[in-house]
PDB file of N, CA and C in Angstrom:
ATOM      1  N   UNK A   1     -78.003 -14.515 -15.194  1.00  0.00           N
ATOM      2  CA  UNK A   1     -79.316 -14.921 -15.655  1.00  0.00           C
ATOM      3  C   UNK A   1     -79.306 -16.380 -16.118  1.00  0.00           C
ATOM      4  N   UNK A   2     -78.258 -16.779 -16.885  1.00  0.00           N
ATOM      5  CA  UNK A   2     -78.181 -18.152 -17.368  1.00  0.00           C
ATOM      6  C   UNK A   2     -78.054 -19.126 -16.201  1.00  0.00           C
ATOM      7  N   UNK A   3     -77.295 -18.741 -15.173  1.00  0.00           N
ATOM      8  CA  UNK A   3     -77.151 -19.591 -13.993  1.00  0.00           C
ATOM      9  C   UNK A   3     -78.502 -19.768 -13.305  1.00  0.00           C
ATOM     10  N   UNK A   4     -79.310 -18.699 -13.242  1.00  0.00           N
ATOM     11  CA  UNK A   4     -80.642 -18.798 -12.648  1.00  0.00           C
ATOM     12  C   UNK A   4     -81.516 -19.769 -13.434  1.00  0.00           C
ATOM     13  N   UNK A   5     -81.401 -19.737 -14.760  1.00  0.00           N
ATOM     14  CA  UNK A   5     -82.186 -20.650 -15.590  1.00  0.00           C
ATOM     15  C   UNK A   5     -81.760 -22.094 -15.342  1.00  0.00           C
ATOM     16  N   UNK A   6     -80.454 -22.338 -15.212  1.00  0.00           N
ATOM     17  CA  UNK A   6     -79.965 -23.682 -14.932  1.00  0.00           C
ATOM     18  C   UNK A   6     -80.455 -24.139 -13.564  1.00  0.00           C
ATOM     19  N   UNK A   7     -80.346 -23.274 -12.574  1.00  0.00           N
ATOM     20  CA  UNK A   7     -80.815 -23.605 -11.235  1.00  0.00           C
ATOM     21  C   UNK A   7     -82.302 -23.916 -11.265  1.00  0.00           C
ATOM     22  N   UNK A   8     -83.077 -23.081 -11.955  1.00  0.00           N
ATOM     23  CA  UNK A   8     -84.512 -23.313 -12.034  1.00  0.00           C
ATOM     24  C   UNK A   8     -84.805 -24.642 -12.727  1.00  0.00           C
ATOM     25  N   UNK A   9     -84.072 -24.951 -13.792  1.00  0.00           N
ATOM     26  CA  UNK A   9     -84.286 -26.211 -14.506  1.00  0.00           C
ATOM     27  C   UNK A   9     -84.013 -27.405 -13.591  1.00  0.00           C
ATOM     28  N   UNK A  10     -82.951 -27.325 -12.799  1.00  0.00           N
ATOM     29  CA  UNK A  10     -82.644 -28.398 -11.857  1.00  0.00           C
ATOM     30  C   UNK A  10     -83.722 -28.512 -10.784  1.00  0.00           C
ATOM     31  N   UNK A  11     -84.170 -27.364 -10.281  1.00  0.00           N
ATOM     32  CA  UNK A  11     -85.245 -27.377  -9.282  1.00  0.00           C
ATOM     33  C   UNK A  11     -86.508 -28.006  -9.870  1.00  0.00           C
ATOM     34  N   UNK A  12     -86.837 -27.615 -11.099  1.00  0.00           N
ATOM     35  CA  UNK A  12     -88.053 -28.124 -11.743  1.00  0.00           C
ATOM     36  C   UNK A  12     -87.945 -29.625 -12.001  1.00  0.00           C
ATOM     37  N   UNK A  13     -86.780 -30.076 -12.461  1.00  0.00           N
ATOM     38  CA  UNK A  13     -86.581 -31.509 -12.690  1.00  0.00           C
ATOM     39  C   UNK A  13     -86.720 -32.301 -11.392  1.00  0.00           C
ATOM     40  N   UNK A  14     -86.246 -31.725 -10.309  1.00  0.00           N
ATOM     41  CA  UNK A  14     -86.239 -32.424  -9.026  1.00  0.00           C
ATOM     42  C   UNK A  14     -87.577 -32.339  -8.300  1.00  0.00           C
ATOM     43  N   UNK A  15     -88.174 -31.165  -8.283  1.00  0.00           N
ATOM     44  CA  UNK A  15     -89.361 -30.939  -7.456  1.00  0.00           C
ATOM     45  C   UNK A  15     -90.635 -30.636  -8.244  1.00  0.00           C
ATOM     46  N   UNK A  16     -90.558 -30.661  -9.562  1.00  0.00           N
ATOM     47  CA  UNK A  16     -91.710 -30.291 -10.379  1.00  0.00           C
ATOM     48  C   UNK A  16     -92.962 -31.084 -10.099  1.00  0.00           C
ATOM     49  N   UNK A  17     -92.810 -32.354  -9.783  1.00  0.00           N
ATOM     50  CA  UNK A  17     -93.985 -33.195  -9.515  1.00  0.00           C
ATOM     51  C   UNK A  17     -94.719 -32.785  -8.234  1.00  0.00           C
ATOM     52  N   UNK A  18     -94.102 -31.968  -7.421  1.00  0.00           N
ATOM     53  CA  UNK A  18     -94.732 -31.526  -6.173  1.00  0.00           C
ATOM     54  C   UNK A  18     -95.538 -30.243  -6.356  1.00  0.00           C
ATOM     55  N   UNK A  19     -95.502 -29.679  -7.555  1.00  0.00           N
ATOM     56  CA  UNK A  19     -96.259 -28.464  -7.846  1.00  0.00           C
ATOM     57  C   UNK A  19     -97.679 -28.822  -8.256  1.00  0.00           C
ATOM     58  N   UNK A  20     -98.544 -27.812  -8.256  1.00  0.00           N
ATOM     59  CA  UNK A  20     -99.888 -28.039  -8.769  1.00  0.00           C
ATOM     60  C   UNK A  20     -99.793 -28.247 -10.279  1.00  0.00           C
ATOM     61  N   UNK A  21    -100.827 -28.822 -10.852  1.00  0.00           N
ATOM     62  CA  UNK A  21    -100.830 -29.060 -12.296  1.00  0.00           C
ATOM     63  C   UNK A  21    -100.667 -27.749 -13.071  1.00  0.00           C
ATOM     64  N   UNK A  22    -101.337 -26.690 -12.626  1.00  0.00           N
ATOM     65  CA  UNK A  22    -101.258 -25.390 -13.308  1.00  0.00           C
ATOM     66  C   UNK A  22     -99.847 -24.811 -13.206  1.00  0.00           C
ATOM     67  N   UNK A  23     -99.234 -24.915 -12.030  1.00  0.00           N
ATOM     68  CA  UNK A  23     -97.873 -24.426 -11.859  1.00  0.00           C
ATOM     69  C   UNK A  23     -96.906 -25.201 -12.748  1.00  0.00           C
ATOM     70  N   UNK A  24     -97.053 -26.529 -12.765  1.00  0.00           N
ATOM     71  CA  UNK A  24     -96.183 -27.373 -13.596  1.00  0.00           C
ATOM     72  C   UNK A  24     -96.314 -26.994 -15.064  1.00  0.00           C
ATOM     73  N   UNK A  25     -97.546 -26.811 -15.508  1.00  0.00           N
ATOM     74  CA  UNK A  25     -97.784 -26.466 -16.907  1.00  0.00           C
ATOM     75  C   UNK A  25     -97.171 -25.109 -17.246  1.00  0.00           C
ATOM     76  N   UNK A  26     -97.391 -24.117 -16.392  1.00  0.00           N
ATOM     77  CA  UNK A  26     -96.820 -22.782 -16.629  1.00  0.00           C
ATOM     78  C   UNK A  26     -95.293 -22.842 -16.673  1.00  0.00           C
ATOM     79  N   UNK A  27     -94.692 -23.580 -15.750  1.00  0.00           N
ATOM     80  CA  UNK A  27     -93.230 -23.711 -15.724  1.00  0.00           C
ATOM     81  C   UNK A  27     -92.725 -24.400 -16.987  1.00  0.00           C
ATOM     82  N   UNK A  28     -93.396 -25.460 -17.387  1.00  0.00           N
ATOM     83  CA  UNK A  28     -92.976 -26.179 -18.591  1.00  0.00           C
ATOM     84  C   UNK A  28     -93.071 -25.282 -19.817  1.00  0.00           C
ATOM     85  N   UNK A  29     -94.187 -24.587 -19.965  1.00  0.00           N
ATOM     86  CA  UNK A  29     -94.363 -23.729 -21.134  1.00  0.00           C
ATOM     87  C   UNK A  29     -93.367 -22.572 -21.143  1.00  0.00           C
ATOM     88  N   UNK A  30     -93.079 -22.032 -19.978  1.00  0.00           N
ATOM     89  CA  UNK A  30     -92.179 -20.877 -19.898  1.00  0.00           C
ATOM     90  C   UNK A  30     -90.723 -21.266 -20.091  1.00  0.00           C
ATOM     91  N   UNK A  31     -90.273 -22.279 -19.333  1.00  0.00           N
ATOM     92  CA  UNK A  31     -88.844 -22.566 -19.285  1.00  0.00           C
ATOM     93  C   UNK A  31     -88.399 -23.690 -20.223  1.00  0.00           C
ATOM     94  N   UNK A  32     -89.263 -24.630 -20.502  1.00  0.00           N
ATOM     95  CA  UNK A  32     -88.876 -25.704 -21.420  1.00  0.00           C
ATOM     96  C   UNK A  32     -89.268 -25.393 -22.862  1.00  0.00           C
ATOM     97  N   UNK A  33     -90.385 -24.678 -23.038  1.00  0.00           N
ATOM     98  CA  UNK A  33     -90.841 -24.372 -24.392  1.00  0.00           C
ATOM     99  C   UNK A  33     -90.633 -22.906 -24.756  1.00  0.00           C
ATOM    100  N   UNK A  34     -90.109 -22.129 -23.808  1.00  0.00           N
ATOM    101  CA  UNK A  34     -89.691 -20.745 -24.035  1.00  0.00           C
ATOM    102  C   UNK A  34     -90.813 -19.827 -24.543  1.00  0.00           C
ATOM    103  N   UNK A  35     -92.033 -20.046 -24.036  1.00  0.00           N
ATOM    104  CA  UNK A  35     -93.130 -19.149 -24.391  1.00  0.00           C
ATOM    105  C   UNK A  35     -93.115 -17.928 -23.479  1.00  0.00           C
ATOM    106  N   UNK A  36     -93.642 -16.828 -23.970  1.00  0.00           N
ATOM    107  CA  UNK A  36     -93.739 -15.616 -23.145  1.00  0.00           C
ATOM    108  C   UNK A  36     -94.922 -15.759 -22.196  1.00  0.00           C
ATOM    109  N   UNK A  37     -94.965 -14.882 -21.204  1.00  0.00           N
ATOM    110  CA  UNK A  37     -96.087 -14.890 -20.271  1.00  0.00           C
ATOM    111  C   UNK A  37     -97.401 -14.670 -21.005  1.00  0.00           C
ATOM    112  N   UNK A  38     -97.385 -13.748 -21.970  1.00  0.00           N
ATOM    113  CA  UNK A  38     -98.588 -13.470 -22.746  1.00  0.00           C
ATOM    114  C   UNK A  38     -99.036 -14.667 -23.568  1.00  0.00           C
ATOM    115  N   UNK A  39     -98.072 -15.364 -24.170  1.00  0.00           N
ATOM    116  CA  UNK A  39     -98.410 -16.543 -24.970  1.00  0.00           C
ATOM    117  C   UNK A  39     -99.002 -17.652 -24.098  1.00  0.00           C
ATOM    118  N   UNK A  40     -98.437 -17.829 -22.929  1.00  0.00           N
ATOM    119  CA  UNK A  40     -98.956 -18.846 -22.006  1.00  0.00           C
ATOM    120  C   UNK A  40    -100.372 -18.466 -21.567  1.00  0.00           C
ATOM    121  N   UNK A  41    -100.552 -17.184 -21.239  1.00  0.00           N
ATOM    122  CA  UNK A  41    -101.875 -16.708 -20.834  1.00  0.00           C
ATOM    123  C   UNK A  41    -102.922 -16.954 -21.907  1.00  0.00           C
ATOM    124  N   UNK A  42    -102.575 -16.640 -23.142  1.00  0.00           N
ATOM    125  CA  UNK A  42    -103.509 -16.881 -24.252  1.00  0.00           C
ATOM    126  C   UNK A  42    -103.823 -18.359 -24.399  1.00  0.00           C
ATOM    127  N   UNK A  43    -102.810 -19.170 -24.330  1.00  0.00           N
ATOM    128  CA  UNK A  43    -102.963 -20.615 -24.487  1.00  0.00           C
ATOM    129  C   UNK A  43    -103.842 -21.208 -23.375  1.00  0.00           C
ATOM    130  N   UNK A  44    -103.663 -20.707 -22.166  1.00  0.00           N
ATOM    131  CA  UNK A  44    -104.369 -21.258 -21.010  1.00  0.00           C
ATOM    132  C   UNK A  44    -105.645 -20.493 -20.658  1.00  0.00           C
ATOM    133  N   UNK A  45    -105.888 -19.382 -21.341  1.00  0.00           N
ATOM    134  CA  UNK A  45    -107.085 -18.604 -21.061  1.00  0.00           C
ATOM    135  C   UNK A  45    -107.038 -17.880 -19.724  1.00  0.00           C
ATOM    136  N   UNK A  46    -105.824 -17.470 -19.322  1.00  0.00           N
ATOM    137  CA  UNK A  46    -105.662 -16.715 -18.076  1.00  0.00           C
ATOM    138  C   UNK A  46    -104.844 -15.463 -18.374  1.00  0.00           C
ATOM    139  N   UNK A  47    -104.830 -14.541 -17.427  1.00  0.00           N
ATOM    140  CA  UNK A  47    -104.102 -13.293 -17.645  1.00  0.00           C
ATOM    141  C   UNK A  47    -102.593 -13.523 -17.545  1.00  0.00           C
ATOM    142  N   UNK A  48    -101.862 -12.581 -18.118  1.00  0.00           N
ATOM    143  CA  UNK A  48    -100.402 -12.596 -18.034  1.00  0.00           C
ATOM    144  C   UNK A  48     -99.976 -12.563 -16.568  1.00  0.00           C
ATOM    145  N   UNK A  49    -100.670 -11.768 -15.769  1.00  0.00           N
ATOM    146  CA  UNK A  49    -100.361 -11.659 -14.340  1.00  0.00           C
ATOM    147  C   UNK A  49    -100.591 -12.989 -13.616  1.00  0.00           C
ATOM    148  N   UNK A  50    -101.640 -13.706 -13.993  1.00  0.00           N
ATOM    149  CA  UNK A  50    -101.907 -15.007 -13.374  1.00  0.00           C
ATOM    150  C   UNK A  50    -100.790 -15.996 -13.703  1.00  0.00           C
ATOM    151  N   UNK A  51    -100.291 -15.930 -14.925  1.00  0.00           N
ATOM    152  CA  UNK A  51     -99.160 -16.786 -15.313  1.00  0.00           C
ATOM    153  C   UNK A  51     -97.952 -16.440 -14.450  1.00  0.00           C
ATOM    154  N   UNK A  52     -97.651 -15.145 -14.340  1.00  0.00           N
ATOM    155  CA  UNK A  52     -96.514 -14.704 -13.533  1.00  0.00           C
ATOM    156  C   UNK A  52     -96.666 -15.150 -12.081  1.00  0.00           C
ATOM    157  N   UNK A  53     -97.868 -14.984 -11.532  1.00  0.00           N
ATOM    158  CA  UNK A  53     -98.118 -15.399 -10.148  1.00  0.00           C
ATOM    159  C   UNK A  53     -97.868 -16.895  -9.960  1.00  0.00           C
ATOM    160  N   UNK A  54     -98.313 -17.698 -10.922  1.00  0.00           N
ATOM    161  CA  UNK A  54     -98.084 -19.143 -10.846  1.00  0.00           C
ATOM    162  C   UNK A  54     -96.600 -19.461 -10.861  1.00  0.00           C
ATOM    163  N   UNK A  55     -95.853 -18.778 -11.727  1.00  0.00           N
ATOM    164  CA  UNK A  55     -94.414 -19.016 -11.817  1.00  0.00           C
ATOM    165  C   UNK A  55     -93.692 -18.598 -10.537  1.00  0.00           C
ATOM    166  N   UNK A  56     -94.066 -17.455 -10.001  1.00  0.00           N
ATOM    167  CA  UNK A  56     -93.433 -16.965  -8.768  1.00  0.00           C
ATOM    168  C   UNK A  56     -93.722 -17.922  -7.609  1.00  0.00           C
ATOM    169  N   UNK A  57     -94.971 -18.358  -7.476  1.00  0.00           N
ATOM    170  CA  UNK A  57     -95.319 -19.298  -6.402  1.00  0.00           C
ATOM    171  C   UNK A  57     -94.595 -20.631  -6.579  1.00  0.00           C
ATOM    172  N   UNK A  58     -94.522 -21.104  -7.821  1.00  0.00           N
ATOM    173  CA  UNK A  58     -93.852 -22.378  -8.086  1.00  0.00           C
ATOM    174  C   UNK A  58     -92.374 -22.299  -7.716  1.00  0.00           C
ATOM    175  N   UNK A  59     -91.712 -21.226  -8.126  1.00  0.00           N
ATOM    176  CA  UNK A  59     -90.294 -21.085  -7.810  1.00  0.00           C
ATOM    177  C   UNK A  59     -90.078 -20.993  -6.305  1.00  0.00           C
ATOM    178  N   UNK A  60     -90.919 -20.238  -5.619  1.00  0.00           N
ATOM    179  CA  UNK A  60     -90.789 -20.108  -4.159  1.00  0.00           C
ATOM    180  C   UNK A  60     -90.973 -21.465  -3.486  1.00  0.00           C
ATOM    181  N   UNK A  61     -91.950 -22.223  -3.952  1.00  0.00           N
ATOM    182  CA  UNK A  61     -92.209 -23.535  -3.368  1.00  0.00           C
ATOM    183  C   UNK A  61     -91.028 -24.479  -3.610  1.00  0.00           C
ATOM    184  N   UNK A  62     -90.483 -24.449  -4.821  1.00  0.00           N
ATOM    185  CA  UNK A  62     -89.346 -25.327  -5.117  1.00  0.00           C
ATOM    186  C   UNK A  62     -88.098 -24.914  -4.342  1.00  0.00           C
ATOM    187  N   UNK A  63     -87.876 -23.615  -4.192  1.00  0.00           N
ATOM    188  CA  UNK A  63     -86.718 -23.163  -3.402  1.00  0.00           C
ATOM    189  C   UNK A  63     -86.880 -23.548  -1.927  1.00  0.00           C
ATOM    190  N   UNK A  64     -88.094 -23.473  -1.425  1.00  0.00           N
ATOM    191  CA  UNK A  64     -88.359 -23.884  -0.040  1.00  0.00           C
ATOM    192  C   UNK A  64     -88.084 -25.383   0.129  1.00  0.00           C
ATOM    193  N   UNK A  65     -88.532 -26.181  -0.832  1.00  0.00           N
ATOM    194  CA  UNK A  65     -88.259 -27.618  -0.781  1.00  0.00           C
ATOM    195  C   UNK A  65     -86.759 -27.879  -0.836  1.00  0.00           C
ATOM    196  N   UNK A  66     -86.055 -27.162  -1.693  1.00  0.00           N
ATOM    197  CA  UNK A  66     -84.609 -27.339  -1.797  1.00  0.00           C
ATOM    198  C   UNK A  66     -83.921 -26.952  -0.492  1.00  0.00           C
ATOM    199  N   UNK A  67     -84.392 -25.884   0.158  1.00  0.00           N
ATOM    200  CA  UNK A  67     -83.803 -25.483   1.439  1.00  0.00           C
ATOM    201  C   UNK A  67     -83.988 -26.569   2.491  1.00  0.00           C
ATOM    202  N   UNK A  68     -85.098 -27.279   2.449  1.00  0.00           N
ATOM    203  CA  UNK A  68     -85.376 -28.332   3.426  1.00  0.00           C
ATOM    204  C   UNK A  68     -84.701 -29.652   3.062  1.00  0.00           C
ATOM    205  N   UNK A  69     -84.712 -29.999   1.772  1.00  0.00           N
ATOM    206  CA  UNK A  69     -84.253 -31.319   1.340  1.00  0.00           C
ATOM    207  C   UNK A  69     -82.814 -31.289   0.827  1.00  0.00           C
ATOM    208  N   UNK A  70     -82.484 -30.294   0.028  1.00  0.00           N
ATOM    209  CA  UNK A  70     -81.121 -30.127  -0.470  1.00  0.00           C
ATOM    210  C   UNK A  70     -80.709 -31.087  -1.575  1.00  0.00           C
ATOM    211  N   UNK A  71     -81.660 -31.672  -2.294  1.00  0.00           N
ATOM    212  CA  UNK A  71     -81.338 -32.663  -3.325  1.00  0.00           C
ATOM    213  C   UNK A  71     -80.540 -32.069  -4.481  1.00  0.00           C
ATOM    214  N   UNK A  72     -80.865 -30.865  -4.899  1.00  0.00           N
ATOM    215  CA  UNK A  72     -80.157 -30.256  -6.029  1.00  0.00           C
ATOM    216  C   UNK A  72     -78.715 -29.933  -5.639  1.00  0.00           C
ATOM    217  N   UNK A  73     -78.507 -29.374  -4.470  1.00  0.00           N
ATOM    218  CA  UNK A  73     -77.148 -29.068  -4.028  1.00  0.00           C
ATOM    219  C   UNK A  73     -76.323 -30.340  -3.875  1.00  0.00           C
ATOM    220  N   UNK A  74     -76.957 -31.397  -3.367  1.00  0.00           N
ATOM    221  CA  UNK A  74     -76.262 -32.676  -3.239  1.00  0.00           C
ATOM    222  C   UNK A  74     -75.873 -33.202  -4.628  1.00  0.00           C
ATOM    223  N   UNK A  75     -76.779 -33.110  -5.584  1.00  0.00           N
ATOM    224  CA  UNK A  75     -76.504 -33.547  -6.947  1.00  0.00           C
ATOM    225  C   UNK A  75     -75.346 -32.759  -7.554  1.00  0.00           C
ATOM    226  N   UNK A  76     -75.331 -31.452  -7.333  1.00  0.00           N
ATOM    227  CA  UNK A  76     -74.253 -30.613  -7.864  1.00  0.00           C
ATOM    228  C   UNK A  76     -72.911 -30.970  -7.223  1.00  0.00           C
ATOM    229  N   UNK A  77     -72.920 -31.282  -5.928  1.00  0.00           N
ATOM    230  CA  UNK A  77     -71.679 -31.686  -5.254  1.00  0.00           C
ATOM    231  C   UNK A  77     -71.164 -33.016  -5.804  1.00  0.00           C
ATOM    232  N   UNK A  78     -72.076 -33.954  -6.037  1.00  0.00           N
ATOM    233  CA  UNK A  78     -71.675 -35.251  -6.587  1.00  0.00           C
ATOM    234  C   UNK A  78     -71.085 -35.068  -7.983  1.00  0.00           C
ATOM    235  N   UNK A  79     -71.728 -34.258  -8.811  1.00  0.00           N
ATOM    236  CA  UNK A  79     -71.219 -34.014 -10.161  1.00  0.00           C
ATOM    237  C   UNK A  79     -69.844 -33.357 -10.125  1.00  0.00           C
ATOM    238  N   UNK A  80     -69.641 -32.444  -9.196  1.00  0.00           N
ATOM    239  CA  UNK A  80     -68.340 -31.793  -9.053  1.00  0.00           C
ATOM    240  C   UNK A  80     -67.277 -32.810  -8.618  1.00  0.00           C
ATOM    241  N   UNK A  81     -67.628 -33.679  -7.679  1.00  0.00           N
ATOM    242  CA  UNK A  81     -66.685 -34.704  -7.224  1.00  0.00           C
ATOM    243  C   UNK A  81     -66.352 -35.680  -8.353  1.00  0.00           C
ATOM    244  N   UNK A  82     -67.343 -36.005  -9.190  1.00  0.00           N
ATOM    245  CA  UNK A  82     -67.089 -36.887 -10.327  1.00  0.00           C
ATOM    246  C   UNK A  82     -66.139 -36.232 -11.324  1.00  0.00           C
ATOM    247  N   UNK A  83     -66.286 -34.932 -11.526  1.00  0.00           N
ATOM    248  CA  UNK A  83     -65.350 -34.205 -12.395  1.00  0.00           C
ATOM    249  C   UNK A  83     -63.934 -34.271 -11.831  1.00  0.00           C
ATOM    250  N   UNK A  84     -63.803 -34.129 -10.510  1.00  0.00           N
ATOM    251  CA  UNK A  84     -62.491 -34.207  -9.874  1.00  0.00           C
ATOM    252  C   UNK A  84     -61.896 -35.604 -10.027  1.00  0.00           C
ATOM    253  N   UNK A  85     -62.735 -36.637  -9.890  1.00  0.00           N
ATOM    254  CA  UNK A  85     -62.253 -38.003 -10.081  1.00  0.00           C
ATOM    255  C   UNK A  85     -61.766 -38.228 -11.515  1.00  0.00           C
ATOM    256  N   UNK A  86     -62.493 -37.676 -12.473  1.00  0.00           N
ATOM    257  CA  UNK A  86     -62.083 -37.799 -13.864  1.00  0.00           C
ATOM    258  C   UNK A  86     -60.727 -37.129 -14.082  1.00  0.00           C
ATOM    259  N   UNK A  87     -60.547 -35.948 -13.488  1.00  0.00           N
ATOM    260  CA  UNK A  87     -59.253 -35.250 -13.595  1.00  0.00           C
ATOM    261  C   UNK A  87     -58.139 -36.052 -12.935  1.00  0.00           C
ATOM    262  N   UNK A  88     -58.447 -36.651 -11.781  1.00  0.00           N
ATOM    263  CA  UNK A  88     -57.445 -37.454 -11.080  1.00  0.00           C
ATOM    264  C   UNK A  88     -57.059 -38.681 -11.910  1.00  0.00           C
ATOM    265  N   UNK A  89     -58.040 -39.297 -12.569  1.00  0.00           N
ATOM    266  CA  UNK A  89     -57.750 -40.456 -13.407  1.00  0.00           C
ATOM    267  C   UNK A  89     -56.862 -40.056 -14.582  1.00  0.00           C
ATOM    268  N   UNK A  90     -57.166 -38.931 -15.189  1.00  0.00           N
ATOM    269  CA  UNK A  90     -56.347 -38.449 -16.305  1.00  0.00           C
ATOM    270  C   UNK A  90     -54.927 -38.156 -15.834  1.00  0.00           C
ATOM    271  N   UNK A  91     -54.803 -37.569 -14.654  1.00  0.00           N
ATOM    272  CA  UNK A  91     -53.477 -37.263 -14.102  1.00  0.00           C
ATOM    273  C   UNK A  91     -52.706 -38.553 -13.807  1.00  0.00           C
ATOM    274  N   UNK A  92     -53.416 -39.548 -13.277  1.00  0.00           N
ATOM    275  CA  UNK A  92     -52.763 -40.833 -12.991  1.00  0.00           C
ATOM    276  C   UNK A  92     -52.248 -41.479 -14.270  1.00  0.00           C
ATOM    277  N   UNK A  93     -53.034 -41.376 -15.349  1.00  0.00           N
ATOM    278  CA  UNK A  93     -52.580 -41.922 -16.639  1.00  0.00           C
ATOM    279  C   UNK A  93     -51.334 -41.187 -17.131  1.00  0.00           C
ATOM    280  N   UNK A  94     -51.347 -39.863 -16.996  1.00  0.00           N
ATOM    281  CA  UNK A  94     -50.214 -39.045 -17.427  1.00  0.00           C
ATOM    282  C   UNK A  94     -48.952 -39.403 -16.639  1.00  0.00           C
ATOM    283  N   UNK A  95     -49.142 -39.754 -15.372  1.00  0.00           N
ATOM    284  CA  UNK A  95     -48.008 -40.098 -14.512  1.00  0.00           C
ATOM    285  C   UNK A  95     -47.557 -41.546 -14.716  1.00  0.00           C
ATOM    286  N   UNK A  96     -48.239 -42.245 -15.624  1.00  0.00           N
ATOM    287  CA  UNK A  96     -47.832 -43.624 -15.910  1.00  0.00           C
ATOM    288  C   UNK A  96     -48.368 -44.642 -14.926  1.00  0.00           C
ATOM    289  N   UNK A  97     -49.529 -44.368 -14.352  1.00  0.00           N
ATOM    290  CA  UNK A  97     -50.131 -45.296 -13.393  1.00  0.00           C
ATOM    291  C   UNK A  97     -51.532 -45.685 -13.900  1.00  0.00           C
ATOM    292  N   UNK A  98     -51.581 -46.466 -14.981  1.00  0.00           N
ATOM    293  CA  UNK A  98     -52.869 -46.795 -15.582  1.00  0.00           C
ATOM    294  C   UNK A  98     -53.776 -47.627 -14.674  1.00  0.00           C
ATOM    295  N   UNK A  99     -53.207 -48.455 -13.811  1.00  0.00           N
ATOM    296  CA  UNK A  99     -54.038 -49.264 -12.911  1.00  0.00           C
ATOM    297  C   UNK A  99     -54.800 -48.359 -11.941  1.00  0.00           C
ATOM    298  N   UNK A 100     -54.120 -47.336 -11.431  1.00  0.00           N
ATOM    299  CA  UNK A 100     -54.779 -46.389 -10.532  1.00  0.00           C
ATOM    300  C   UNK A 100     -55.858 -45.605 -11.275  1.00  0.00           C
ATOM    301  N   UNK A 101     -55.569 -45.203 -12.502  1.00  0.00           N
ATOM    302  CA  UNK A 101     -56.557 -44.485 -13.307  1.00  0.00           C
ATOM    303  C   UNK A 101     -57.797 -45.342 -13.513  1.00  0.00           C
ATOM    304  N   UNK A 102     -57.594 -46.619 -13.815  1.00  0.00           N
ATOM    305  CA  UNK A 102     -58.727 -47.526 -14.018  1.00  0.00           C
ATOM    306  C   UNK A 102     -59.538 -47.684 -12.735  1.00  0.00           C
ATOM    307  N   UNK A 103     -58.862 -47.750 -11.616  1.00  0.00           N
ATOM    308  CA  UNK A 103     -59.542 -47.888 -10.321  1.00  0.00           C
ATOM    309  C   UNK A 103     -60.390 -46.641 -10.022  1.00  0.00           C
ATOM    310  N   UNK A 104     -59.832 -45.471 -10.291  1.00  0.00           N
ATOM    311  CA  UNK A 104     -60.551 -44.215 -10.072  1.00  0.00           C
ATOM    312  C   UNK A 104     -61.769 -44.149 -10.985  1.00  0.00           C
ATOM    313  N   UNK A 105     -61.581 -44.486 -12.242  1.00  0.00           N
ATOM    314  CA  UNK A 105     -62.718 -44.447 -13.203  1.00  0.00           C
ATOM    315  C   UNK A 105     -63.791 -45.483 -12.822  1.00  0.00           C
ATOM    316  N   UNK A 106     -63.377 -46.605 -12.314  1.00  0.00           N
ATOM    317  CA  UNK A 106     -64.333 -47.636 -11.874  1.00  0.00           C
ATOM    318  C   UNK A 106     -65.171 -47.135 -10.704  1.00  0.00           C
ATOM    319  N   UNK A 107     -64.528 -46.474  -9.766  1.00  0.00           N
ATOM    320  CA  UNK A 107     -65.260 -45.918  -8.615  1.00  0.00           C
ATOM    321  C   UNK A 107     -66.227 -44.835  -9.071  1.00  0.00           C
ATOM    322  N   UNK A 108     -65.798 -43.997  -9.994  1.00  0.00           N
ATOM    323  CA  UNK A 108     -66.678 -42.948 -10.521  1.00  0.00           C
ATOM    324  C   UNK A 108     -67.877 -43.549 -11.247  1.00  0.00           C
ATOM    325  N   UNK A 109     -67.642 -44.634 -11.990  1.00  0.00           N
ATOM    326  CA  UNK A 109     -68.739 -45.290 -12.713  1.00  0.00           C
ATOM    327  C   UNK A 109     -69.759 -45.860 -11.733  1.00  0.00           C
ATOM    328  N   UNK A 110     -69.306 -46.386 -10.612  1.00  0.00           N
ATOM    329  CA  UNK A 110     -70.226 -46.913  -9.605  1.00  0.00           C
ATOM    330  C   UNK A 110     -71.083 -45.805  -9.010  1.00  0.00           C
ATOM    331  N   UNK A 111     -70.488 -44.660  -8.794  1.00  0.00           N
ATOM    332  CA  UNK A 111     -71.239 -43.520  -8.253  1.00  0.00           C
ATOM    333  C   UNK A 111     -72.293 -43.063  -9.260  1.00  0.00           C
ATOM    334  N   UNK A 112     -71.943 -43.045 -10.537  1.00  0.00           N
ATOM    335  CA  UNK A 112     -72.871 -42.601 -11.570  1.00  0.00           C
ATOM    336  C   UNK A 112     -74.096 -43.496 -11.677  1.00  0.00           C
ATOM    337  N   UNK A 113     -73.931 -44.779 -11.357  1.00  0.00           N
ATOM    338  CA  UNK A 113     -75.059 -45.715 -11.436  1.00  0.00           C
ATOM    339  C   UNK A 113     -76.011 -45.388 -10.356  1.00  0.00           C
TER     340      UNK A 113
END
């Protein structure tokens, strides 16, 4: 469940601007502000079911965009590679090769920019 929330947060950060205003608002209230469906419905003057429908459509749309574009998966791969570079730099330092460690960290810093 926590992994799904992280995935949804990444999808929303990446593709949220492509949703309708109502979908964006429902997603923000639900996942960023942790309101219940009923609370969102009361706040927006719509039924709990309408809130759920908006969330389901928004998630489907964002997953479809991710399947076509792949920006979130690419971001996750880059972050994983940066973690590996950090480990390699630490290993190089442990092996007594500080110049190599600095070179690895420099390359990682360029990727982060």
